[in-house]
Amino acid sequence: SVGFKAGVKEYKLTYYTPEYETKDTDILAAFRVTPQPGVPPEEAGAAVAAESSTGTWTTVWTDGLTSLDRYKGRCYHIEPVPGETDQYICYVAYPLDLFEEGSVTNMFTSIVGNVFGFKALRALRLEDLRIPVAYVKTFQGPPHGI
């Protein structure tokens, strides 16, 4: 029968987008990634983008209810770490619509909260993060001064 079919899918099919051009409003993250043996860097980078945004390891029926392209993280560039074996810097762009305005907690929970225990990765470290002015302006500052 035709219709919903559950199953495991490769992240790189949806979340590895080397043709993507970053926007001034994207939050950009650089992760140092060491994939498990046999996992290609494109799949590892895409897994980081997926697991830190809208992805799940299986196909779910709710995928059709929202526009994935509007909210998904995208691994848009991967480069090997010079002098290191099987280590890569994976660059991930996140759209602002993915995050609650003015919430550092929400942003960091989304970007680094769940992805560090992912089985396809031997090691993962957030190396750099660029927060766009459009998002910084949503922060009210400290509630009681400095």
N, C-alpha and C. Protein backbone atom coordinates (compact mmCIF):
# COMPACT_ATOMS: atom_id res chain seq x y z
N SER A 1 0.84 -1.20 0.00
CA SER A 1 0.00 0.00 0.00
C SER A 1 0.87 1.25 0.00
N VAL A 2 0.35 2.32 -0.53
CA VAL A 2 1.05 3.59 -0.59
C VAL A 2 0.69 4.39 0.66
N GLY A 3 1.63 5.15 1.17
CA GLY A 3 1.36 5.96 2.36
C GLY A 3 2.60 6.06 3.21
N PHE A 4 2.40 6.27 4.48
CA PHE A 4 3.50 6.42 5.41
C PHE A 4 4.27 5.11 5.55
N LYS A 5 5.60 5.21 5.49
CA LYS A 5 6.45 4.05 5.68
C LYS A 5 7.56 4.41 6.65
N ALA A 6 7.53 3.81 7.84
CA ALA A 6 8.55 4.07 8.85
C ALA A 6 9.85 3.39 8.44
N GLY A 7 10.96 3.94 8.91
CA GLY A 7 12.24 3.31 8.61
C GLY A 7 13.40 4.24 8.89
N VAL A 8 14.57 3.66 9.01
CA VAL A 8 15.78 4.44 9.27
C VAL A 8 16.22 5.10 7.97
N LYS A 9 16.70 6.34 8.08
CA LYS A 9 17.13 7.06 6.89
C LYS A 9 18.51 7.67 7.12
N GLU A 10 19.23 7.92 6.04
CA GLU A 10 20.54 8.56 6.13
C GLU A 10 20.34 10.06 6.30
N TYR A 11 21.04 10.63 7.25
CA TYR A 11 20.94 12.07 7.50
C TYR A 11 21.44 12.89 6.32
N LYS A 12 22.49 12.40 5.65
CA LYS A 12 23.10 13.22 4.60
C LYS A 12 22.15 13.51 3.45
N LEU A 13 21.12 12.70 3.29
CA LEU A 13 20.15 12.94 2.22
C LEU A 13 19.38 14.24 2.43
N THR A 14 19.21 14.66 3.67
CA THR A 14 18.42 15.85 3.99
C THR A 14 19.25 16.98 4.59
N TYR A 15 20.25 16.65 5.40
CA TYR A 15 20.93 17.67 6.19
C TYR A 15 22.33 18.03 5.71
N TYR A 16 22.87 17.33 4.73
CA TYR A 16 24.16 17.72 4.14
C TYR A 16 23.86 18.48 2.86
N THR A 17 24.09 19.79 2.88
CA THR A 17 23.72 20.66 1.76
C THR A 17 24.91 21.55 1.39
N PRO A 18 25.91 20.99 0.69
CA PRO A 18 27.10 21.78 0.36
C PRO A 18 26.81 22.96 -0.56
N GLU A 19 25.68 22.98 -1.21
CA GLU A 19 25.32 24.10 -2.09
C GLU A 19 24.69 25.26 -1.31
N TYR A 20 24.43 25.07 -0.02
CA TYR A 20 23.76 26.10 0.77
C TYR A 20 24.66 27.32 0.95
N GLU A 21 24.10 28.49 0.74
CA GLU A 21 24.81 29.75 1.00
C GLU A 21 24.27 30.34 2.29
N THR A 22 25.16 30.53 3.25
CA THR A 22 24.71 31.02 4.56
C THR A 22 24.12 32.42 4.46
N LYS A 23 23.23 32.70 5.40
CA LYS A 23 22.58 34.00 5.47
C LYS A 23 23.13 34.79 6.65
N ASP A 24 23.02 36.11 6.59
CA ASP A 24 23.47 36.95 7.71
C ASP A 24 22.70 36.64 8.99
N THR A 25 21.53 36.06 8.86
CA THR A 25 20.70 35.77 10.03
C THR A 25 20.89 34.35 10.56
N ASP A 26 21.70 33.53 9.91
CA ASP A 26 21.94 32.16 10.40
C ASP A 26 22.87 32.18 11.60
N ILE A 27 22.61 31.29 12.55
CA ILE A 27 23.58 31.00 13.60
C ILE A 27 24.52 29.95 13.00
N LEU A 28 25.81 30.22 13.02
CA LEU A 28 26.79 29.32 12.42
C LEU A 28 27.63 28.66 13.50
N ALA A 29 27.76 27.35 13.41
CA ALA A 29 28.55 26.58 14.37
C ALA A 29 29.61 25.78 13.63
N ALA A 30 30.77 25.66 14.26
CA ALA A 30 31.84 24.81 13.74
C ALA A 30 32.09 23.72 14.78
N PHE A 31 31.90 22.48 14.37
CA PHE A 31 32.10 21.33 15.25
C PHE A 31 33.31 20.54 14.78
N ARG A 32 34.16 20.13 15.74
CA ARG A 32 35.22 19.16 15.43
C ARG A 32 34.59 17.78 15.63
N VAL A 33 34.60 16.99 14.57
CA VAL A 33 33.90 15.71 14.55
C VAL A 33 34.89 14.58 14.27
N THR A 34 34.81 13.52 15.06
CA THR A 34 35.51 12.28 14.77
C THR A 34 34.45 11.20 14.59
N PRO A 35 34.18 10.81 13.34
CA PRO A 35 33.15 9.79 13.11
C PRO A 35 33.60 8.41 13.59
N GLN A 36 32.64 7.56 13.86
CA GLN A 36 32.94 6.15 14.13
C GLN A 36 33.54 5.54 12.86
N PRO A 37 34.34 4.48 12.99
CA PRO A 37 34.88 3.82 11.80
C PRO A 37 33.74 3.41 10.85
N GLY A 38 33.93 3.69 9.57
CA GLY A 38 32.94 3.34 8.57
C GLY A 38 31.87 4.39 8.32
N VAL A 39 31.85 5.44 9.14
CA VAL A 39 30.87 6.52 8.95
C VAL A 39 31.53 7.63 8.15
N PRO A 40 31.04 7.95 6.96
CA PRO A 40 31.65 9.01 6.16
C PRO A 40 31.47 10.37 6.82
N PRO A 41 32.41 11.30 6.60
CA PRO A 41 32.31 12.62 7.23
C PRO A 41 31.02 13.35 6.86
N GLU A 42 30.51 13.15 5.65
CA GLU A 42 29.27 13.82 5.25
C GLU A 42 28.09 13.35 6.09
N GLU A 43 28.07 12.06 6.39
CA GLU A 43 26.99 11.52 7.24
C GLU A 43 27.15 12.01 8.67
N ALA A 44 28.39 12.06 9.17
CA ALA A 44 28.63 12.54 10.53
C ALA A 44 28.24 14.02 10.66
N GLY A 45 28.66 14.84 9.71
CA GLY A 45 28.30 16.26 9.74
C GLY A 45 26.81 16.48 9.63
N ALA A 46 26.17 15.72 8.75
CA ALA A 46 24.72 15.82 8.59
C ALA A 46 24.01 15.35 9.85
N ALA A 47 24.55 14.34 10.52
CA ALA A 47 23.95 13.85 11.76
C ALA A 47 24.00 14.92 12.84
N VAL A 48 25.11 15.65 12.92
CA VAL A 48 25.22 16.75 13.88
C VAL A 48 24.17 17.82 13.57
N ALA A 49 24.05 18.20 12.30
CA ALA A 49 23.05 19.20 11.91
C ALA A 49 21.64 18.73 12.23
N ALA A 50 21.37 17.47 11.95
CA ALA A 50 20.03 16.92 12.18
C ALA A 50 19.70 16.83 13.66
N GLU A 51 20.58 16.17 14.42
CA GLU A 51 20.31 15.91 15.83
C GLU A 51 20.30 17.18 16.67
N SER A 52 20.92 18.25 16.17
CA SER A 52 20.91 19.51 16.92
C SER A 52 19.84 20.46 16.39
N SER A 53 18.98 19.97 15.50
CA SER A 53 17.88 20.83 15.01
C SER A 53 16.59 20.02 14.95
N THR A 54 16.22 19.55 13.77
CA THR A 54 14.90 18.94 13.60
C THR A 54 14.93 17.44 13.35
N GLY A 55 16.09 16.84 13.32
CA GLY A 55 16.21 15.46 12.88
C GLY A 55 15.87 14.43 13.92
N THR A 56 15.54 13.27 13.43
CA THR A 56 15.36 12.08 14.25
C THR A 56 15.86 10.90 13.43
N TRP A 57 16.18 9.82 14.09
CA TRP A 57 16.82 8.69 13.41
C TRP A 57 15.87 7.90 12.53
N THR A 58 14.59 8.18 12.63
CA THR A 58 13.61 7.42 11.87
C THR A 58 12.63 8.35 11.15
N THR A 59 11.92 7.83 10.20
CA THR A 59 10.88 8.58 9.53
C THR A 59 9.65 8.60 10.43
N VAL A 60 9.09 9.78 10.66
CA VAL A 60 7.89 9.88 11.49
C VAL A 60 6.78 10.57 10.70
N TRP A 61 5.56 10.25 11.02
CA TRP A 61 4.43 10.77 10.24
C TRP A 61 4.28 12.27 10.37
N THR A 62 4.79 12.88 11.45
CA THR A 62 4.65 14.33 11.63
C THR A 62 5.58 15.13 10.73
N ASP A 63 6.50 14.46 10.03
CA ASP A 63 7.40 15.18 9.11
C ASP A 63 6.64 16.01 8.10
N GLY A 64 5.46 15.57 7.73
CA GLY A 64 4.67 16.28 6.72
C GLY A 64 3.90 17.47 7.25
N LEU A 65 3.92 17.69 8.56
CA LEU A 65 3.12 18.76 9.15
C LEU A 65 3.81 20.12 9.17
N THR A 66 5.12 20.14 9.08
CA THR A 66 5.85 21.41 9.11
C THR A 66 6.83 21.47 7.93
N SER A 67 7.29 22.66 7.65
CA SER A 67 8.26 22.84 6.58
C SER A 67 9.66 22.60 7.13
N LEU A 68 10.19 21.43 6.86
CA LEU A 68 11.51 21.07 7.36
C LEU A 68 12.57 22.05 6.89
N ASP A 69 12.50 22.50 5.65
CA ASP A 69 13.50 23.43 5.13
C ASP A 69 13.57 24.73 5.93
N ARG A 70 12.47 25.13 6.51
CA ARG A 70 12.46 26.38 7.27
C ARG A 70 13.20 26.26 8.60
N TYR A 71 13.21 25.07 9.20
CA TYR A 71 13.73 24.91 10.55
C TYR A 71 15.00 24.07 10.66
N LYS A 72 15.36 23.33 9.65
CA LYS A 72 16.46 22.37 9.81
C LYS A 72 17.83 23.05 9.85
N GLY A 73 18.74 22.43 10.62
CA GLY A 73 20.14 22.79 10.54
C GLY A 73 20.72 22.17 9.28
N ARG A 74 21.76 22.80 8.74
CA ARG A 74 22.36 22.31 7.49
C ARG A 74 23.88 22.24 7.64
N CYS A 75 24.42 21.07 7.41
CA CYS A 75 25.87 20.95 7.32
C CYS A 75 26.25 21.38 5.91
N TYR A 76 26.90 22.54 5.81
CA TYR A 76 27.14 23.12 4.48
C TYR A 76 28.60 23.04 4.04
N HIS A 77 29.50 22.67 4.95
CA HIS A 77 30.91 22.57 4.56
C HIS A 77 31.63 21.64 5.55
N ILE A 78 32.55 20.84 5.02
CA ILE A 78 33.35 19.93 5.84
C ILE A 78 34.78 20.03 5.36
N GLU A 79 35.71 20.13 6.31
CA GLU A 79 37.13 20.12 5.93
C GLU A 79 37.90 19.28 6.94
N PRO A 80 38.91 18.54 6.47
CA PRO A 80 39.72 17.74 7.40
C PRO A 80 40.53 18.65 8.31
N VAL A 81 40.76 18.19 9.54
CA VAL A 81 41.61 18.92 10.49
C VAL A 81 43.05 18.62 10.12
N PRO A 82 43.85 19.64 9.79
CA PRO A 82 45.25 19.40 9.41
C PRO A 82 46.02 18.68 10.51
N GLY A 83 46.74 17.64 10.11
CA GLY A 83 47.58 16.90 11.04
C GLY A 83 46.85 15.89 11.90
N GLU A 84 45.55 15.74 11.72
CA GLU A 84 44.77 14.79 12.51
C GLU A 84 44.14 13.75 11.59
N THR A 85 44.10 12.52 12.05
CA THR A 85 43.50 11.44 11.28
C THR A 85 42.02 11.32 11.63
N ASP A 86 41.17 11.25 10.63
CA ASP A 86 39.73 11.04 10.82
C ASP A 86 39.05 12.10 11.67
N GLN A 87 39.57 13.33 11.65
CA GLN A 87 38.90 14.45 12.32
C GLN A 87 38.55 15.49 11.28
N TYR A 88 37.37 16.07 11.45
CA TYR A 88 36.86 17.04 10.48
C TYR A 88 36.23 18.21 11.21
N ILE A 89 36.30 19.38 10.58
CA ILE A 89 35.50 20.52 11.04
C ILE A 89 34.25 20.53 10.17
N CYS A 90 33.12 20.39 10.81
CA CYS A 90 31.83 20.41 10.12
C CYS A 90 31.13 21.72 10.45
N TYR A 91 30.80 22.46 9.42
CA TYR A 91 30.15 23.76 9.59
C TYR A 91 28.65 23.58 9.42
N VAL A 92 27.91 24.07 10.41
CA VAL A 92 26.45 23.91 10.42
C VAL A 92 25.79 25.27 10.54
N ALA A 93 24.79 25.52 9.71
CA ALA A 93 24.00 26.75 9.76
C ALA A 93 22.62 26.43 10.31
N TYR A 94 22.18 27.26 11.26
CA TYR A 94 20.85 27.10 11.86
C TYR A 94 20.03 28.35 11.57
N PRO A 95 18.78 28.19 11.12
CA PRO A 95 17.93 29.37 10.89
C PRO A 95 17.44 29.93 12.23
N LEU A 96 17.27 31.24 12.30
CA LEU A 96 16.80 31.87 13.53
C LEU A 96 15.44 31.36 13.98
N ASP A 97 14.60 30.97 13.03
CA ASP A 97 13.25 30.48 13.38
C ASP A 97 13.28 29.24 14.25
N LEU A 98 14.42 28.58 14.33
CA LEU A 98 14.55 27.37 15.15
C LEU A 98 14.61 27.70 16.64
N PHE A 99 14.95 28.94 17.00
CA PHE A 99 15.24 29.28 18.39
C PHE A 99 14.25 30.29 18.96
N GLU A 100 14.06 30.18 20.27
CA GLU A 100 13.25 31.14 21.00
C GLU A 100 14.04 32.44 21.13
N GLU A 101 13.38 33.56 20.88
CA GLU A 101 14.06 34.86 20.96
C GLU A 101 14.53 35.12 22.39
N GLY A 102 15.74 35.68 22.50
CA GLY A 102 16.26 36.12 23.79
C GLY A 102 16.59 35.03 24.78
N SER A 103 16.77 33.81 24.34
CA SER A 103 17.02 32.70 25.26
C SER A 103 18.32 31.98 24.92
N VAL A 104 19.37 32.31 25.68
CA VAL A 104 20.65 31.62 25.52
C VAL A 104 20.47 30.14 25.85
N THR A 105 19.68 29.86 26.88
CA THR A 105 19.44 28.48 27.29
C THR A 105 18.83 27.67 26.16
N ASN A 106 17.81 28.20 25.52
CA ASN A 106 17.16 27.50 24.41
C ASN A 106 18.14 27.26 23.26
N MET A 107 18.91 28.28 22.92
CA MET A 107 19.86 28.17 21.81
C MET A 107 20.89 27.08 22.09
N PHE A 108 21.52 27.12 23.28
CA PHE A 108 22.56 26.13 23.58
C PHE A 108 21.98 24.73 23.78
N THR A 109 20.79 24.64 24.36
CA THR A 109 20.16 23.33 24.51
C THR A 109 19.91 22.70 23.15
N SER A 110 19.47 23.50 22.20
CA SER A 110 19.23 22.99 20.85
C SER A 110 20.52 22.57 20.17
N ILE A 111 21.52 23.42 20.23
CA ILE A 111 22.76 23.18 19.47
C ILE A 111 23.62 22.08 20.09
N VAL A 112 23.74 22.05 21.41
CA VAL A 112 24.65 21.09 22.03
C VAL A 112 23.99 20.14 23.02
N GLY A 113 22.69 20.25 23.21
CA GLY A 113 22.03 19.47 24.26
C GLY A 113 21.97 17.98 24.04
N ASN A 114 21.67 17.52 22.85
CA ASN A 114 21.39 16.12 22.61
C ASN A 114 22.45 15.43 21.75
N VAL A 115 23.17 16.18 20.99
CA VAL A 115 23.99 15.62 19.92
C VAL A 115 25.27 14.94 20.42
N PHE A 116 25.74 15.26 21.62
CA PHE A 116 27.03 14.73 22.06
C PHE A 116 27.00 13.24 22.40
N GLY A 117 25.83 12.66 22.57
CA GLY A 117 25.74 11.23 22.83
C GLY A 117 25.43 10.41 21.60
N PHE A 118 25.55 11.00 20.42
CA PHE A 118 25.14 10.34 19.19
C PHE A 118 26.10 9.22 18.83
N LYS A 119 25.58 8.04 18.53
CA LYS A 119 26.39 6.83 18.32
C LYS A 119 27.28 6.86 17.09
N ALA A 120 26.93 7.63 16.07
CA ALA A 120 27.74 7.66 14.84
C ALA A 120 29.05 8.42 15.03
N LEU A 121 29.20 9.08 16.18
CA LEU A 121 30.38 9.90 16.44
C LEU A 121 31.23 9.31 17.55
N ARG A 122 32.54 9.25 17.32
CA ARG A 122 33.47 8.86 18.38
C ARG A 122 33.76 10.03 19.29
N ALA A 123 33.83 11.24 18.70
CA ALA A 123 34.11 12.44 19.49
C ALA A 123 33.49 13.64 18.79
N LEU A 124 33.12 14.63 19.60
CA LEU A 124 32.50 15.84 19.07
C LEU A 124 32.82 17.00 20.00
N ARG A 125 33.18 18.14 19.41
CA ARG A 125 33.43 19.34 20.22
C ARG A 125 32.97 20.56 19.44
N LEU A 126 32.24 21.43 20.11
CA LEU A 126 31.86 22.71 19.52
C LEU A 126 33.09 23.60 19.56
N GLU A 127 33.59 24.01 18.39
CA GLU A 127 34.80 24.82 18.30
C GLU A 127 34.52 26.31 18.22
N ASP A 128 33.44 26.69 17.54
CA ASP A 128 33.16 28.11 17.33
C ASP A 128 31.67 28.29 17.07
N LEU A 129 31.18 29.48 17.40
CA LEU A 129 29.77 29.80 17.21
C LEU A 129 29.65 31.26 16.82
N ARG A 130 28.94 31.53 15.73
CA ARG A 130 28.68 32.92 15.33
C ARG A 130 27.20 33.19 15.53
N ILE A 131 26.92 34.16 16.38
CA ILE A 131 25.54 34.55 16.66
C ILE A 131 25.28 35.85 15.92
N PRO A 132 24.30 35.88 15.03
CA PRO A 132 24.06 37.08 14.22
C PRO A 132 23.46 38.22 15.04
N VAL A 133 23.69 39.43 14.58
CA VAL A 133 23.17 40.63 15.24
C VAL A 133 21.66 40.55 15.41
N ALA A 134 20.96 40.00 14.42
CA ALA A 134 19.50 39.90 14.50
C ALA A 134 19.06 39.10 15.73
N TYR A 135 19.84 38.10 16.13
CA TYR A 135 19.49 37.32 17.32
C TYR A 135 19.97 38.01 18.59
N VAL A 136 21.15 38.60 18.55
CA VAL A 136 21.69 39.30 19.72
C VAL A 136 20.73 40.40 20.17
N LYS A 137 20.10 41.08 19.21
CA LYS A 137 19.17 42.17 19.54
C LYS A 137 17.93 41.70 20.29
N THR A 138 17.65 40.40 20.30
CA THR A 138 16.48 39.90 21.02
C THR A 138 16.75 39.72 22.51
N PHE A 139 18.00 39.87 22.95
CA PHE A 139 18.34 39.73 24.36
C PHE A 139 18.13 41.05 25.08
N GLN A 140 17.48 41.00 26.22
CA GLN A 140 17.16 42.21 26.98
C GLN A 140 18.31 42.67 27.87
N GLY A 141 19.29 41.83 28.10
CA GLY A 141 20.38 42.17 29.00
C GLY A 141 20.09 41.64 30.40
N PRO A 142 21.02 41.84 31.32
CA PRO A 142 20.83 41.32 32.68
C PRO A 142 19.66 42.03 33.38
N PRO A 143 18.85 41.28 34.13
CA PRO A 143 17.67 41.87 34.75
C PRO A 143 17.98 42.84 35.90
N HIS A 144 19.16 42.74 36.51
CA HIS A 144 19.48 43.57 37.67
C HIS A 144 20.75 44.38 37.50
N GLY A 145 21.16 44.64 36.26
CA GLY A 145 22.38 45.40 36.01
C GLY A 145 23.61 44.53 36.09
N ILE A 146 24.76 45.19 35.93
CA ILE A 146 26.02 44.44 35.94
C ILE A 146 26.74 44.70 37.24
